[in-house]
């Protein structure tokens, strides 16, 4: 999602978030419900201790998977800020920034799911679409970078 329009010369912000892990949410929910049901089914009877223990373990596993899914979604977001002067890309264990004037080339993979900003012989900044699939937000980032690079040529 772009915060502002780059044609006005303002900075734009994009957040590339991974796709919602629907399967993980479904497994977490089913495991949690099954665990709670097992605990409730075996609770009043002292001879059903094994059922209560298994149910409690299932409920804890479902809750742990749900928490892990939330953490994954929050920590795997790639933050991209494009300003008139330069760019900044922040992600999990990744921080690159630079000035447009220093950029030698910008290229994309044939499917458009990955952008590479090249500065000098070695320095590269990578922007990859979540899940490796081209989407509207990745197109918007590519168009925004192209506009900014064209404005430097004038």
C-alpha atoms as a PDB file:
ATOM      1  CA  UNK A   1       0.000   0.000   0.000  1.00  0.00           C
ATOM      2  CA  UNK A   2       1.475   3.302  -1.074  1.00  0.00           C
ATOM      3  CA  UNK A   3       1.172   6.099   1.449  1.00  0.00           C
ATOM      4  CA  UNK A   4       1.471   8.971  -1.004  1.00  0.00           C
ATOM      5  CA  UNK A   5       1.631   9.533  -4.721  1.00  0.00           C
ATOM      6  CA  UNK A   6       5.191   9.538  -6.097  1.00  0.00           C
ATOM      7  CA  UNK A   7       4.267  11.842  -8.987  1.00  0.00           C
ATOM      8  CA  UNK A   8       4.097  14.718  -6.537  1.00  0.00           C
ATOM      9  CA  UNK A   9       7.710  14.081  -5.525  1.00  0.00           C
ATOM     10  CA  UNK A  10       6.787  12.785  -2.085  1.00  0.00           C
ATOM     11  CA  UNK A  11       8.034   9.649  -0.421  1.00  0.00           C
ATOM     12  CA  UNK A  12       6.031   6.475  -0.859  1.00  0.00           C
ATOM     13  CA  UNK A  13       5.865   3.534   1.512  1.00  0.00           C
ATOM     14  CA  UNK A  14       5.083  -0.071   0.684  1.00  0.00           C
ATOM     15  CA  UNK A  15       4.743  -3.079   2.967  1.00  0.00           C
ATOM     16  CA  UNK A  16       5.116  -6.466   1.300  1.00  0.00           C
ATOM     17  CA  UNK A  17       3.518  -8.939   3.669  1.00  0.00           C
ATOM     18  CA  UNK A  18       3.538 -12.698   3.225  1.00  0.00           C
ATOM     19  CA  UNK A  19       0.284 -14.342   2.307  1.00  0.00           C
ATOM     20  CA  UNK A  20      -1.961 -15.341   5.149  1.00  0.00           C
ATOM     21  CA  UNK A  21      -1.056 -18.927   6.090  1.00  0.00           C
ATOM     22  CA  UNK A  22      -4.604 -20.275   5.888  1.00  0.00           C
ATOM     23  CA  UNK A  23      -3.521 -23.884   6.354  1.00  0.00           C
ATOM     24  CA  UNK A  24      -1.640 -23.041   9.567  1.00  0.00           C
ATOM     25  CA  UNK A  25      -4.659 -21.137  10.910  1.00  0.00           C
ATOM     26  CA  UNK A  26      -6.963 -24.053  10.068  1.00  0.00           C
ATOM     27  CA  UNK A  27      -4.676 -26.623  11.703  1.00  0.00           C
ATOM     28  CA  UNK A  28      -4.218 -24.418  14.782  1.00  0.00           C
ATOM     29  CA  UNK A  29      -7.970 -23.902  15.134  1.00  0.00           C
ATOM     30  CA  UNK A  30      -8.868 -27.554  14.664  1.00  0.00           C
ATOM     31  CA  UNK A  31      -6.153 -28.702  17.068  1.00  0.00           C
ATOM     32  CA  UNK A  32      -7.230 -26.193  19.696  1.00  0.00           C
ATOM     33  CA  UNK A  33     -10.903 -27.153  19.391  1.00  0.00           C
ATOM     34  CA  UNK A  34     -10.096 -30.887  19.474  1.00  0.00           C
ATOM     35  CA  UNK A  35      -7.899 -30.390  22.522  1.00  0.00           C
ATOM     36  CA  UNK A  36     -10.525 -28.431  24.431  1.00  0.00           C
ATOM     37  CA  UNK A  37     -13.197 -30.995  23.477  1.00  0.00           C
ATOM     38  CA  UNK A  38     -11.003 -33.841  24.733  1.00  0.00           C
ATOM     39  CA  UNK A  39     -10.329 -32.037  28.018  1.00  0.00           C
ATOM     40  CA  UNK A  40     -14.041 -31.365  28.533  1.00  0.00           C
ATOM     41  CA  UNK A  41     -14.974 -34.954  27.632  1.00  0.00           C
ATOM     42  CA  UNK A  42     -12.519 -36.500  30.055  1.00  0.00           C
ATOM     43  CA  UNK A  43     -12.563 -33.981  32.905  1.00  0.00           C
ATOM     44  CA  UNK A  44     -15.049 -35.287  35.472  1.00  0.00           C
ATOM     45  CA  UNK A  45     -13.938 -38.922  35.318  1.00  0.00           C
ATOM     46  CA  UNK A  46     -10.707 -39.757  37.167  1.00  0.00           C
ATOM     47  CA  UNK A  47     -10.103 -42.758  34.907  1.00  0.00           C
ATOM     48  CA  UNK A  48      -9.995 -40.468  31.816  1.00  0.00           C
ATOM     49  CA  UNK A  49      -6.792 -38.764  32.891  1.00  0.00           C
ATOM     50  CA  UNK A  50      -5.089 -39.838  29.653  1.00  0.00           C
ATOM     51  CA  UNK A  51      -7.820 -38.144  27.610  1.00  0.00           C
ATOM     52  CA  UNK A  52      -7.443 -34.931  29.630  1.00  0.00           C
ATOM     53  CA  UNK A  53      -3.652 -34.975  29.209  1.00  0.00           C
ATOM     54  CA  UNK A  54      -3.866 -35.600  25.454  1.00  0.00           C
ATOM     55  CA  UNK A  55      -6.518 -32.887  25.141  1.00  0.00           C
ATOM     56  CA  UNK A  56      -4.395 -30.406  27.082  1.00  0.00           C
ATOM     57  CA  UNK A  57      -1.380 -31.190  24.896  1.00  0.00           C
ATOM     58  CA  UNK A  58      -3.460 -30.717  21.732  1.00  0.00           C
ATOM     59  CA  UNK A  59      -4.849 -27.414  23.004  1.00  0.00           C
ATOM     60  CA  UNK A  60      -1.358 -26.145  23.872  1.00  0.00           C
ATOM     61  CA  UNK A  61      -0.045 -27.252  20.460  1.00  0.00           C
ATOM     62  CA  UNK A  62      -2.889 -25.439  18.683  1.00  0.00           C
ATOM     63  CA  UNK A  63      -2.293 -22.284  20.685  1.00  0.00           C
ATOM     64  CA  UNK A  64       1.465 -22.468  20.032  1.00  0.00           C
ATOM     65  CA  UNK A  65       0.874 -22.820  16.291  1.00  0.00           C
ATOM     66  CA  UNK A  66      -1.485 -19.824  16.308  1.00  0.00           C
ATOM     67  CA  UNK A  67       1.077 -17.687  18.169  1.00  0.00           C
ATOM     68  CA  UNK A  68       3.837 -18.800  15.793  1.00  0.00           C
ATOM     69  CA  UNK A  69       1.665 -17.861  12.816  1.00  0.00           C
ATOM     70  CA  UNK A  70       1.058 -14.365  14.192  1.00  0.00           C
ATOM     71  CA  UNK A  71       4.773 -13.862  14.849  1.00  0.00           C
ATOM     72  CA  UNK A  72       5.609 -15.090  11.347  1.00  0.00           C
ATOM     73  CA  UNK A  73       3.187 -12.634   9.753  1.00  0.00           C
ATOM     74  CA  UNK A  74       4.558  -9.687  11.730  1.00  0.00           C
ATOM     75  CA  UNK A  75       8.258 -10.403  11.315  1.00  0.00           C
ATOM     76  CA  UNK A  76       8.305 -11.359   7.625  1.00  0.00           C
ATOM     77  CA  UNK A  77       7.089  -8.012   6.286  1.00  0.00           C
ATOM     78  CA  UNK A  78       9.397  -6.161   3.864  1.00  0.00           C
ATOM     79  CA  UNK A  79       9.160  -2.372   4.287  1.00  0.00           C
ATOM     80  CA  UNK A  80      10.084  -0.237   1.276  1.00  0.00           C
ATOM     81  CA  UNK A  81      10.348   3.548   1.336  1.00  0.00           C
ATOM     82  CA  UNK A  82      10.993   5.394  -1.920  1.00  0.00           C
ATOM     83  CA  UNK A  83      11.765   9.093  -1.646  1.00  0.00           C
ATOM     84  CA  UNK A  84      12.832  11.670  -4.243  1.00  0.00           C
ATOM     85  CA  UNK A  85      16.427  11.284  -3.057  1.00  0.00           C
ATOM     86  CA  UNK A  86      16.724   7.536  -2.520  1.00  0.00           C
ATOM     87  CA  UNK A  87      15.310   4.298  -1.236  1.00  0.00           C
ATOM     88  CA  UNK A  88      15.292   2.203   1.915  1.00  0.00           C
ATOM     89  CA  UNK A  89      14.406  -1.484   2.157  1.00  0.00           C
ATOM     90  CA  UNK A  90      13.928  -3.039   5.606  1.00  0.00           C
ATOM     91  CA  UNK A  91      13.067  -6.633   6.301  1.00  0.00           C
ATOM     92  CA  UNK A  92      13.883  -9.530   8.580  1.00  0.00           C
ATOM     93  CA  UNK A  93      17.668  -9.301   8.899  1.00  0.00           C
ATOM     94  CA  UNK A  94      17.881  -7.037   5.861  1.00  0.00           C
ATOM     95  CA  UNK A  95      18.512  -3.294   5.645  1.00  0.00           C
ATOM     96  CA  UNK A  96      19.603  -1.575   2.453  1.00  0.00           C
ATOM     97  CA  UNK A  97      19.399   2.034   1.428  1.00  0.00           C
ATOM     98  CA  UNK A  98      20.917   4.295  -1.158  1.00  0.00           C
ATOM     99  CA  UNK A  99      20.565   7.402  -3.288  1.00  0.00           C
ATOM    100  CA  UNK A 100      18.989   7.292  -6.744  1.00  0.00           C
ATOM    101  CA  UNK A 101      21.943   9.184  -8.150  1.00  0.00           C
ATOM    102  CA  UNK A 102      24.219   6.236  -7.256  1.00  0.00           C
ATOM    103  CA  UNK A 103      22.000   3.595  -8.897  1.00  0.00           C
ATOM    104  CA  UNK A 104      23.571   2.075 -12.018  1.00  0.00           C
ATOM    105  CA  UNK A 105      20.692  -0.191 -13.050  1.00  0.00           C
ATOM    106  CA  UNK A 106      17.360  -1.574 -11.979  1.00  0.00           C
ATOM    107  CA  UNK A 107      16.296  -4.939 -13.330  1.00  0.00           C
ATOM    108  CA  UNK A 108      13.528  -7.444 -12.795  1.00  0.00           C
ATOM    109  CA  UNK A 109      13.131 -11.154 -13.239  1.00  0.00           C
ATOM    110  CA  UNK A 110      11.131 -12.163 -16.340  1.00  0.00           C
ATOM    111  CA  UNK A 111       8.005 -12.769 -14.268  1.00  0.00           C
ATOM    112  CA  UNK A 112       8.440  -9.450 -12.400  1.00  0.00           C
ATOM    113  CA  UNK A 113       8.352 -10.980  -8.941  1.00  0.00           C
ATOM    114  CA  UNK A 114      11.847  -9.788  -8.006  1.00  0.00           C
ATOM    115  CA  UNK A 115      13.513  -6.395  -8.483  1.00  0.00           C
ATOM    116  CA  UNK A 116      17.240  -5.753  -8.215  1.00  0.00           C
ATOM    117  CA  UNK A 117      18.660  -2.279  -7.648  1.00  0.00           C
ATOM    118  CA  UNK A 118      22.356  -2.251  -8.599  1.00  0.00           C
ATOM    119  CA  UNK A 119      24.890   0.246  -7.273  1.00  0.00           C
ATOM    120  CA  UNK A 120      28.483  -0.177  -8.333  1.00  0.00           C
ATOM    121  CA  UNK A 121      30.009  -3.528  -9.153  1.00  0.00           C
ATOM    122  CA  UNK A 122      28.896  -5.429  -6.058  1.00  0.00           C
ATOM    123  CA  UNK A 123      26.155  -3.652  -4.082  1.00  0.00           C
ATOM    124  CA  UNK A 124      22.679  -5.017  -4.818  1.00  0.00           C
ATOM    125  CA  UNK A 125      19.323  -4.426  -3.169  1.00  0.00           C
ATOM    126  CA  UNK A 126      16.690  -7.123  -3.654  1.00  0.00           C
ATOM    127  CA  UNK A 127      12.939  -6.639  -3.450  1.00  0.00           C
ATOM    128  CA  UNK A 128      10.965  -9.860  -3.772  1.00  0.00           C
ATOM    129  CA  UNK A 129       7.226 -10.295  -3.874  1.00  0.00           C
ATOM    130  CA  UNK A 130       5.856 -12.468  -1.074  1.00  0.00           C
ATOM    131  CA  UNK A 131       5.418 -16.020  -2.257  1.00  0.00           C
ATOM    132  CA  UNK A 132       7.363 -15.245  -5.431  1.00  0.00           C
ATOM    133  CA  UNK A 133       4.182 -14.189  -7.237  1.00  0.00           C
ATOM    134  CA  UNK A 134       3.789 -10.901  -9.103  1.00  0.00           C
ATOM    135  CA  UNK A 135       0.921  -8.837  -7.712  1.00  0.00           C
ATOM    136  CA  UNK A 136      -0.462  -5.308  -8.008  1.00  0.00           C
ATOM    137  CA  UNK A 137       1.701  -3.988  -5.195  1.00  0.00           C
ATOM    138  CA  UNK A 138       4.892  -5.292  -6.818  1.00  0.00           C
ATOM    139  CA  UNK A 139       3.826  -3.673 -10.116  1.00  0.00           C
ATOM    140  CA  UNK A 140       3.256  -0.389  -8.270  1.00  0.00           C
ATOM    141  CA  UNK A 141       6.749  -0.554  -6.736  1.00  0.00           C
ATOM    142  CA  UNK A 142       8.328  -1.263 -10.136  1.00  0.00           C
ATOM    143  CA  UNK A 143       6.398   1.606 -11.757  1.00  0.00           C
ATOM    144  CA  UNK A 144       7.327   3.954  -8.906  1.00  0.00           C
ATOM    145  CA  UNK A 145      11.034   3.110  -9.216  1.00  0.00           C
ATOM    146  CA  UNK A 146      10.865   3.496 -13.005  1.00  0.00           C
ATOM    147  CA  UNK A 147       9.279   6.974 -12.656  1.00  0.00           C
ATOM    148  CA  UNK A 148      11.953   8.032 -10.181  1.00  0.00           C
ATOM    149  CA  UNK A 149      14.753   6.763 -12.431  1.00  0.00           C
ATOM    150  CA  UNK A 150      13.256   8.543 -15.471  1.00  0.00           C
ATOM    151  CA  UNK A 151      13.045  11.796 -13.522  1.00  0.00           C
ATOM    152  CA  UNK A 152      16.820  11.581 -12.899  1.00  0.00           C
ATOM    153  CA  UNK A 153      17.540  11.318 -16.622  1.00  0.00           C
ATOM    154  CA  UNK A 154      15.993  14.696 -17.338  1.00  0.00           C
END
